[in-house]
Amino acid sequence: LRAAFAKSDAGPRLRAIEGAADIDDAEVVRYLGRGL
């Protein structure tokens, strides 16, 4: 997620978000929130 959000291309962000969707972790959720 950190690497994906450091890039301008949307593709890595999409893949990182989809891959992290079911991980129960507050810091992961914070990054998902950035995607909003």
All heavy atoms as atom14 arrays in JSON, in Angstrom:
{
  "sequence": "LRAAFAKSDAGPRLRAIEGAADIDDAEVVRYLGRGL",
  "atom14_mask": [
    [1, 1, 1, 1, 1, 1, 1, 1, 0, 0, 0, 0, 0, 0],
    [1, 1, 1, 1, 1, 1, 1, 1, 1, 1, 1, 0, 0, 0],
    [1, 1, 1, 1, 1, 0, 0, 0, 0, 0, 0, 0, 0, 0],
    [1, 1, 1, 1, 1, 0, 0, 0, 0, 0, 0, 0, 0, 0],
    [1, 1, 1, 1, 1, 1, 1, 1, 1, 1, 1, 0, 0, 0],
    [1, 1, 1, 1, 1, 0, 0, 0, 0, 0, 0, 0, 0, 0],
    [1, 1, 1, 1, 1, 1, 1, 1, 1, 0, 0, 0, 0, 0],
    [1, 1, 1, 1, 1, 1, 0, 0, 0, 0, 0, 0, 0, 0],
    [1, 1, 1, 1, 1, 1, 1, 1, 0, 0, 0, 0, 0, 0],
    [1, 1, 1, 1, 1, 0, 0, 0, 0, 0, 0, 0, 0, 0],
    [1, 1, 1, 1, 0, 0, 0, 0, 0, 0, 0, 0, 0, 0],
    [1, 1, 1, 1, 1, 1, 1, 0, 0, 0, 0, 0, 0, 0],
    [1, 1, 1, 1, 1, 1, 1, 1, 1, 1, 1, 0, 0, 0],
    [1, 1, 1, 1, 1, 1, 1, 1, 0, 0, 0, 0, 0, 0],
    [1, 1, 1, 1, 1, 1, 1, 1, 1, 1, 1, 0, 0, 0],
    [1, 1, 1, 1, 1, 0, 0, 0, 0, 0, 0, 0, 0, 0],
    [1, 1, 1, 1, 1, 1, 1, 1, 0, 0, 0, 0, 0, 0],
    [1, 1, 1, 1, 1, 1, 1, 1, 1, 0, 0, 0, 0, 0],
    [1, 1, 1, 1, 0, 0, 0, 0, 0, 0, 0, 0, 0, 0],
    [1, 1, 1, 1, 1, 0, 0, 0, 0, 0, 0, 0, 0, 0],
    [1, 1, 1, 1, 1, 0, 0, 0, 0, 0, 0, 0, 0, 0],
    [1, 1, 1, 1, 1, 1, 1, 1, 0, 0, 0, 0, 0, 0],
    [1, 1, 1, 1, 1, 1, 1, 1, 0, 0, 0, 0, 0, 0],
    [1, 1, 1, 1, 1, 1, 1, 1, 0, 0, 0, 0, 0, 0],
    [1, 1, 1, 1, 1, 1, 1, 1, 0, 0, 0, 0, 0, 0],
    [1, 1, 1, 1, 1, 0, 0, 0, 0, 0, 0, 0, 0, 0],
    [1, 1, 1, 1, 1, 1, 1, 1, 1, 0, 0, 0, 0, 0],
    [1, 1, 1, 1, 1, 1, 1, 0, 0, 0, 0, 0, 0, 0],
    [1, 1, 1, 1, 1, 1, 1, 0, 0, 0, 0, 0, 0, 0],
    [1, 1, 1, 1, 1, 1, 1, 1, 1, 1, 1, 0, 0, 0],
    [1, 1, 1, 1, 1, 1, 1, 1, 1, 1, 1, 1, 0, 0],
    [1, 1, 1, 1, 1, 1, 1, 1, 0, 0, 0, 0, 0, 0],
    [1, 1, 1, 1, 0, 0, 0, 0, 0, 0, 0, 0, 0, 0],
    [1, 1, 1, 1, 1, 1, 1, 1, 1, 1, 1, 0, 0, 0],
    [1, 1, 1, 1, 0, 0, 0, 0, 0, 0, 0, 0, 0, 0],
    [1, 1, 1, 1, 1, 1, 1, 1, 0, 0, 0, 0, 0, 0]
  ],
  "atom14_positions": [
    [[0.83, -1.21, 0.0], [0.0, 0.0, 0.0], [0.86, 1.26, 0.0], [0.59, 2.21, -0.75], [-0.93, 0.0, 1.21], [-2.14, -0.95, 1.14], [-2.74, -1.17, 2.52], [-3.19, -0.39, 0.18], [0.0, 0.0, 0.0], [0.0, 0.0, 0.0], [0.0, 0.0, 0.0], [0.0, 0.0, 0.0], [0.0, 0.0, 0.0], [0.0, 0.0, 0.0]],
    [[1.9, 1.28, 0.82], [2.78, 2.45, 0.87], [3.43, 2.7, -0.48], [3.5, 3.84, -0.95], [3.84, 2.26, 1.96], [3.3, 2.3, 3.38], [4.43, 2.32, 4.41], [3.91, 2.19, 5.76], [3.99, 1.09, 6.5], [4.59, 0.02, 6.03], [3.48, 1.07, 7.72], [0.0, 0.0, 0.0], [0.0, 0.0, 0.0], [0.0, 0.0, 0.0]],
    [[3.9, 1.63, -1.09], [4.55, 1.77, -2.4], [3.54, 2.22, -3.45], [3.84, 3.06, -4.3], [5.18, 0.44, -2.79], [0.0, 0.0, 0.0], [0.0, 0.0, 0.0], [0.0, 0.0, 0.0], [0.0, 0.0, 0.0], [0.0, 0.0, 0.0], [0.0, 0.0, 0.0], [0.0, 0.0, 0.0], [0.0, 0.0, 0.0], [0.0, 0.0, 0.0]],
    [[2.33, 1.67, -3.39], [1.31, 2.0, -4.39], [0.88, 3.45, -4.31], [0.7, 4.13, -5.33], [0.1, 1.08, -4.21], [0.0, 0.0, 0.0], [0.0, 0.0, 0.0], [0.0, 0.0, 0.0], [0.0, 0.0, 0.0], [0.0, 0.0, 0.0], [0.0, 0.0, 0.0], [0.0, 0.0, 0.0], [0.0, 0.0, 0.0], [0.0, 0.0, 0.0]],
    [[0.71, 3.95, -3.08], [0.25, 5.33, -2.92], [1.36, 6.34, -3.19], [1.09, 7.54, -3.29], [-0.34, 5.54, -1.52], [-1.78, 5.14, -1.42], [-2.14, 3.85, -1.04], [-2.79, 6.03, -1.76], [-3.47, 3.47, -0.96], [-4.13, 5.66, -1.69], [-4.47, 4.38, -1.29], [0.0, 0.0, 0.0], [0.0, 0.0, 0.0], [0.0, 0.0, 0.0]],
    [[2.57, 5.86, -3.34], [3.68, 6.76, -3.7], [3.8, 6.92, -5.21], [4.59, 7.75, -5.68], [4.98, 6.22, -3.13], [0.0, 0.0, 0.0], [0.0, 0.0, 0.0], [0.0, 0.0, 0.0], [0.0, 0.0, 0.0], [0.0, 0.0, 0.0], [0.0, 0.0, 0.0], [0.0, 0.0, 0.0], [0.0, 0.0, 0.0], [0.0, 0.0, 0.0]],
    [[3.01, 6.15, -5.96], [3.07, 6.2, -7.42], [1.9, 6.98, -7.99], [0.84, 7.08, -7.37], [3.08, 4.78, -7.99], [4.28, 3.95, -7.56], [4.18, 2.54, -8.09], [5.38, 1.7, -7.64], [5.27, 0.3, -8.1], [0.0, 0.0, 0.0], [0.0, 0.0, 0.0], [0.0, 0.0, 0.0], [0.0, 0.0, 0.0], [0.0, 0.0, 0.0]],
    [[2.09, 7.52, -9.18], [1.02, 8.28, -9.83], [0.05, 7.37, -10.57], [-1.12, 7.73, -10.78], [1.61, 9.3, -10.8], [2.4, 8.65, -11.79], [0.0, 0.0, 0.0], [0.0, 0.0, 0.0], [0.0, 0.0, 0.0], [0.0, 0.0, 0.0], [0.0, 0.0, 0.0], [0.0, 0.0, 0.0], [0.0, 0.0, 0.0], [0.0, 0.0, 0.0]],
    [[0.49, 6.2, -10.97], [-0.35, 5.25, -11.7], [-1.4, 4.66, -10.76], [-1.08, 4.23, -9.64], [0.53, 4.14, -12.29], [-0.28, 3.16, -13.12], [-1.41, 3.51, -13.51], [0.22, 2.06, -13.37], [0.0, 0.0, 0.0], [0.0, 0.0, 0.0], [0.0, 0.0, 0.0], [0.0, 0.0, 0.0], [0.0, 0.0, 0.0], [0.0, 0.0, 0.0]],
    [[-2.64, 4.61, -11.23], [-3.73, 4.1, -10.38], [-3.7, 2.58, -10.25], [-4.21, 2.04, -9.27], [-5.07, 4.54, -10.95], [0.0, 0.0, 0.0], [0.0, 0.0, 0.0], [0.0, 0.0, 0.0], [0.0, 0.0, 0.0], [0.0, 0.0, 0.0], [0.0, 0.0, 0.0], [0.0, 0.0, 0.0], [0.0, 0.0, 0.0], [0.0, 0.0, 0.0]],
    [[-3.12, 1.88, -11.21], [-3.13, 0.42, -11.2], [-2.59, -0.2, -9.93], [-3.26, -1.05, -9.32], [0.0, 0.0, 0.0], [0.0, 0.0, 0.0], [0.0, 0.0, 0.0], [0.0, 0.0, 0.0], [0.0, 0.0, 0.0], [0.0, 0.0, 0.0], [0.0, 0.0, 0.0], [0.0, 0.0, 0.0], [0.0, 0.0, 0.0], [0.0, 0.0, 0.0]],
    [[-1.4, 0.19, -9.48], [-0.88, -0.39, -8.23], [-1.77, -0.11, -7.02], [-1.91, -0.96, -6.14], [0.48, 0.3, -8.09], [0.89, 0.66, -9.48], [-0.39, 1.02, -10.16], [0.0, 0.0, 0.0], [0.0, 0.0, 0.0], [0.0, 0.0, 0.0], [0.0, 0.0, 0.0], [0.0, 0.0, 0.0], [0.0, 0.0, 0.0], [0.0, 0.0, 0.0]],
    [[-2.4, 1.07, -6.99], [-3.28, 1.38, -5.87], [-4.51, 0.47, -5.88], [-4.95, -0.02, -4.83], [-3.69, 2.86, -5.89], [-2.53, 3.81, -5.7], [-2.96, 5.21, -5.33], [-3.78, 5.88, -6.33], [-3.3, 6.46, -7.43], [-1.99, 6.42, -7.68], [-4.09, 7.08, -8.26], [0.0, 0.0, 0.0], [0.0, 0.0, 0.0], [0.0, 0.0, 0.0]],
    [[-5.05, 0.25, -7.07], [-6.2, -0.65, -7.19], [-5.85, -2.04, -6.7], [-6.59, -2.64, -5.91], [-6.65, -0.73, -8.66], [-7.61, 0.33, -9.17], [-7.77, 0.21, -10.68], [-8.96, 0.21, -8.48], [0.0, 0.0, 0.0], [0.0, 0.0, 0.0], [0.0, 0.0, 0.0], [0.0, 0.0, 0.0], [0.0, 0.0, 0.0], [0.0, 0.0, 0.0]],
    [[-4.73, -2.58, -7.15], [-4.34, -3.93, -6.76], [-4.04, -4.03, -5.27], [-4.42, -5.01, -4.61], [-3.13, -4.37, -7.59], [-3.45, -4.61, -9.06], [-2.28, -5.25, -9.79], [-1.13, -4.35, -9.88], [-0.95, -3.46, -10.86], [-1.86, -3.35, -11.82], [0.12, -2.69, -10.89], [0.0, 0.0, 0.0], [0.0, 0.0, 0.0], [0.0, 0.0, 0.0]],
    [[-3.39, -3.02, -4.73], [-3.05, -3.03, -3.31], [-4.31, -2.96, -2.45], [-4.41, -3.67, -1.43], [-2.12, -1.87, -2.99], [0.0, 0.0, 0.0], [0.0, 0.0, 0.0], [0.0, 0.0, 0.0], [0.0, 0.0, 0.0], [0.0, 0.0, 0.0], [0.0, 0.0, 0.0], [0.0, 0.0, 0.0], [0.0, 0.0, 0.0], [0.0, 0.0, 0.0]],
    [[-5.25, -2.14, -2.84], [-6.5, -2.0, -2.09], [-7.3, -3.3, -2.13], [-7.79, -3.78, -1.1], [-7.34, -0.82, -2.64], [-6.7, 0.51, -2.22], [-8.78, -0.9, -2.15], [-7.3, 1.72, -2.91], [0.0, 0.0, 0.0], [0.0, 0.0, 0.0], [0.0, 0.0, 0.0], [0.0, 0.0, 0.0], [0.0, 0.0, 0.0], [0.0, 0.0, 0.0]],
    [[-7.42, -3.87, -3.31], [-8.19, -5.11, -3.44], [-7.53, -6.26, -2.66], [-8.21, -7.09, -2.06], [-8.33, -5.47, -4.92], [-9.26, -4.51, -5.66], [-9.2, -4.67, -7.18], [-8.35, -5.46, -7.65], [-9.99, -4.01, -7.88], [0.0, 0.0, 0.0], [0.0, 0.0, 0.0], [0.0, 0.0, 0.0], [0.0, 0.0, 0.0], [0.0, 0.0, 0.0]],
    [[-6.2, -6.28, -2.64], [-5.5, -7.33, -1.92], [-5.58, -7.21, -0.41], [-5.43, -8.19, 0.31], [0.0, 0.0, 0.0], [0.0, 0.0, 0.0], [0.0, 0.0, 0.0], [0.0, 0.0, 0.0], [0.0, 0.0, 0.0], [0.0, 0.0, 0.0], [0.0, 0.0, 0.0], [0.0, 0.0, 0.0], [0.0, 0.0, 0.0], [0.0, 0.0, 0.0]],
    [[-5.83, -6.0, 0.07], [-5.85, -5.75, 1.51], [-7.26, -5.69, 2.08], [-7.44, -5.47, 3.28], [-5.13, -4.44, 1.83], [0.0, 0.0, 0.0], [0.0, 0.0, 0.0], [0.0, 0.0, 0.0], [0.0, 0.0, 0.0], [0.0, 0.0, 0.0], [0.0, 0.0, 0.0], [0.0, 0.0, 0.0], [0.0, 0.0, 0.0], [0.0, 0.0, 0.0]],
    [[-8.27, -5.92, 1.25], [-9.65, -5.67, 1.65], [-10.1, -6.44, 2.88], [-10.89, -5.94, 3.68], [-10.59, -5.98, 0.48], [0.0, 0.0, 0.0], [0.0, 0.0, 0.0], [0.0, 0.0, 0.0], [0.0, 0.0, 0.0], [0.0, 0.0, 0.0], [0.0, 0.0, 0.0], [0.0, 0.0, 0.0], [0.0, 0.0, 0.0], [0.0, 0.0, 0.0]],
    [[-9.6, -7.67, 3.06], [-10.11, -8.5, 4.15], [-9.14, -8.58, 5.34], [-9.33, -9.41, 6.23], [-10.41, -9.91, 3.64], [-9.15, -10.64, 3.19], [-8.15, -9.95, 2.86], [-9.15, -11.88, 3.14], [0.0, 0.0, 0.0], [0.0, 0.0, 0.0], [0.0, 0.0, 0.0], [0.0, 0.0, 0.0], [0.0, 0.0, 0.0], [0.0, 0.0, 0.0]],
    [[-8.14, -7.73, 5.35], [-7.15, -7.79, 6.43], [-7.6, -6.89, 7.58], [-7.74, -5.68, 7.43], [-5.76, -7.36, 5.92], [-5.29, -8.31, 4.82], [-4.76, -7.33, 7.06], [-3.99, -7.9, 4.16], [0.0, 0.0, 0.0], [0.0, 0.0, 0.0], [0.0, 0.0, 0.0], [0.0, 0.0, 0.0], [0.0, 0.0, 0.0], [0.0, 0.0, 0.0]],
    [[-7.8, -7.5, 8.73], [-8.31, -6.79, 9.91], [-7.15, -6.1, 10.62], [-6.52, -6.66, 11.52], [-9.0, -7.8, 10.83], [-9.72, -7.13, 11.99], [-9.5, -5.92, 12.22], [-10.5, -7.81, 12.68], [0.0, 0.0, 0.0], [0.0, 0.0, 0.0], [0.0, 0.0, 0.0], [0.0, 0.0, 0.0], [0.0, 0.0, 0.0], [0.0, 0.0, 0.0]],
    [[-6.88, -4.87, 10.19], [-5.76, -4.12, 10.75], [-6.05, -2.63, 10.62], [-6.4, -2.15, 9.54], [-4.47, -4.48, 10.01], [-3.26, -3.75, 10.57], [-2.66, -4.24, 11.54], [-2.93, -2.67, 10.04], [0.0, 0.0, 0.0], [0.0, 0.0, 0.0], [0.0, 0.0, 0.0], [0.0, 0.0, 0.0], [0.0, 0.0, 0.0], [0.0, 0.0, 0.0]],
    [[-5.91, -1.89, 11.71], [-6.27, -0.47, 11.72], [-5.41, 0.36, 10.76], [-5.91, 1.28, 10.1], [-6.14, 0.09, 13.13], [0.0, 0.0, 0.0], [0.0, 0.0, 0.0], [0.0, 0.0, 0.0], [0.0, 0.0, 0.0], [0.0, 0.0, 0.0], [0.0, 0.0, 0.0], [0.0, 0.0, 0.0], [0.0, 0.0, 0.0], [0.0, 0.0, 0.0]],
    [[-4.13, 0.04, 10.65], [-3.26, 0.8, 9.75], [-3.59, 0.51, 8.29], [-3.57, 1.4, 7.45], [-1.79, 0.47, 10.04], [-0.79, 1.29, 9.24], [-0.8, 2.78, 9.59], [-1.46, 3.16, 10.58], [-0.15, 3.55, 8.86], [0.0, 0.0, 0.0], [0.0, 0.0, 0.0], [0.0, 0.0, 0.0], [0.0, 0.0, 0.0], [0.0, 0.0, 0.0]],
    [[-3.94, -0.73, 8.01], [-4.4, -1.07, 6.66], [-5.66, -0.29, 6.32], [-5.8, 0.27, 5.23], [-4.66, -2.59, 6.54], [-5.43, -2.91, 5.26], [-3.35, -3.37, 6.56], [0.0, 0.0, 0.0], [0.0, 0.0, 0.0], [0.0, 0.0, 0.0], [0.0, 0.0, 0.0], [0.0, 0.0, 0.0], [0.0, 0.0, 0.0], [0.0, 0.0, 0.0]],
    [[-6.57, -0.21, 7.27], [-7.82, 0.52, 7.06], [-7.54, 2.01, 6.81], [-8.21, 2.65, 6.0], [-8.76, 0.34, 8.28], [-9.93, 1.33, 8.23], [-9.29, -1.08, 8.31], [0.0, 0.0, 0.0], [0.0, 0.0, 0.0], [0.0, 0.0, 0.0], [0.0, 0.0, 0.0], [0.0, 0.0, 0.0], [0.0, 0.0, 0.0], [0.0, 0.0, 0.0]],
    [[-6.55, 2.55, 7.48], [-6.2, 3.96, 7.26], [-5.77, 4.2, 5.81], [-6.16, 5.19, 5.2], [-5.06, 4.37, 8.2], [-4.77, 5.87, 8.18], [-3.7, 6.23, 9.19], [-2.38, 5.79, 8.77], [-1.62, 6.46, 7.9], [-2.04, 7.59, 7.36], [-0.42, 6.0, 7.57], [0.0, 0.0, 0.0], [0.0, 0.0, 0.0], [0.0, 0.0, 0.0]],
    [[-5.04, 3.26, 5.25], [-4.65, 3.39, 3.84], [-5.85, 3.21, 2.91], [-5.96, 3.89, 1.89], [-3.54, 2.39, 3.5], [-2.16, 2.97, 3.68], [-1.48, 2.81, 4.86], [-1.56, 3.71, 2.66], [-0.21, 3.35, 5.06], [-0.3, 4.26, 2.83], [0.36, 4.09, 4.03], [1.6, 4.64, 4.2], [0.0, 0.0, 0.0], [0.0, 0.0, 0.0]],
    [[-6.73, 2.3, 3.26], [-7.95, 2.14, 2.47], [-8.76, 3.44, 2.48], [-9.36, 3.83, 1.48], [-8.8, 0.98, 3.01], [-8.18, -0.42, 2.94], [-9.14, -1.44, 3.54], [-7.81, -0.79, 1.53], [0.0, 0.0, 0.0], [0.0, 0.0, 0.0], [0.0, 0.0, 0.0], [0.0, 0.0, 0.0], [0.0, 0.0, 0.0], [0.0, 0.0, 0.0]],
    [[-8.76, 4.1, 3.64], [-9.44, 5.39, 3.75], [-8.84, 6.45, 2.83], [-9.55, 7.3, 2.31], [0.0, 0.0, 0.0], [0.0, 0.0, 0.0], [0.0, 0.0, 0.0], [0.0, 0.0, 0.0], [0.0, 0.0, 0.0], [0.0, 0.0, 0.0], [0.0, 0.0, 0.0], [0.0, 0.0, 0.0], [0.0, 0.0, 0.0], [0.0, 0.0, 0.0]],
    [[-7.53, 6.39, 2.63], [-6.89, 7.33, 1.71], [-7.44, 7.15, 0.29], [-7.55, 8.1, -0.48], [-5.38, 7.13, 1.7], [-4.66, 7.68, 2.91], [-3.16, 7.52, 2.79], [-2.61, 8.23, 1.65], [-1.32, 8.23, 1.31], [-0.45, 7.55, 2.06], [-0.89, 8.9, 0.26], [0.0, 0.0, 0.0], [0.0, 0.0, 0.0], [0.0, 0.0, 0.0]],
    [[-7.79, 5.92, -0.02], [-8.34, 5.64, -1.35], [-9.68, 6.31, -1.6], [-10.07, 6.54, -2.75], [0.0, 0.0, 0.0], [0.0, 0.0, 0.0], [0.0, 0.0, 0.0], [0.0, 0.0, 0.0], [0.0, 0.0, 0.0], [0.0, 0.0, 0.0], [0.0, 0.0, 0.0], [0.0, 0.0, 0.0], [0.0, 0.0, 0.0], [0.0, 0.0, 0.0]],
    [[-10.41, 6.63, -0.53], [-11.72, 7.27, -0.69], [-11.62, 8.65, -1.31], [-12.58, 9.14, -1.92], [-12.42, 7.37, 0.68], [-12.75, 6.07, 1.39], [-13.35, 6.34, 2.75], [-13.69, 5.21, 0.55], [0.0, 0.0, 0.0], [0.0, 0.0, 0.0], [0.0, 0.0, 0.0], [0.0, 0.0, 0.0], [0.0, 0.0, 0.0], [0.0, 0.0, 0.0]]
  ]
}
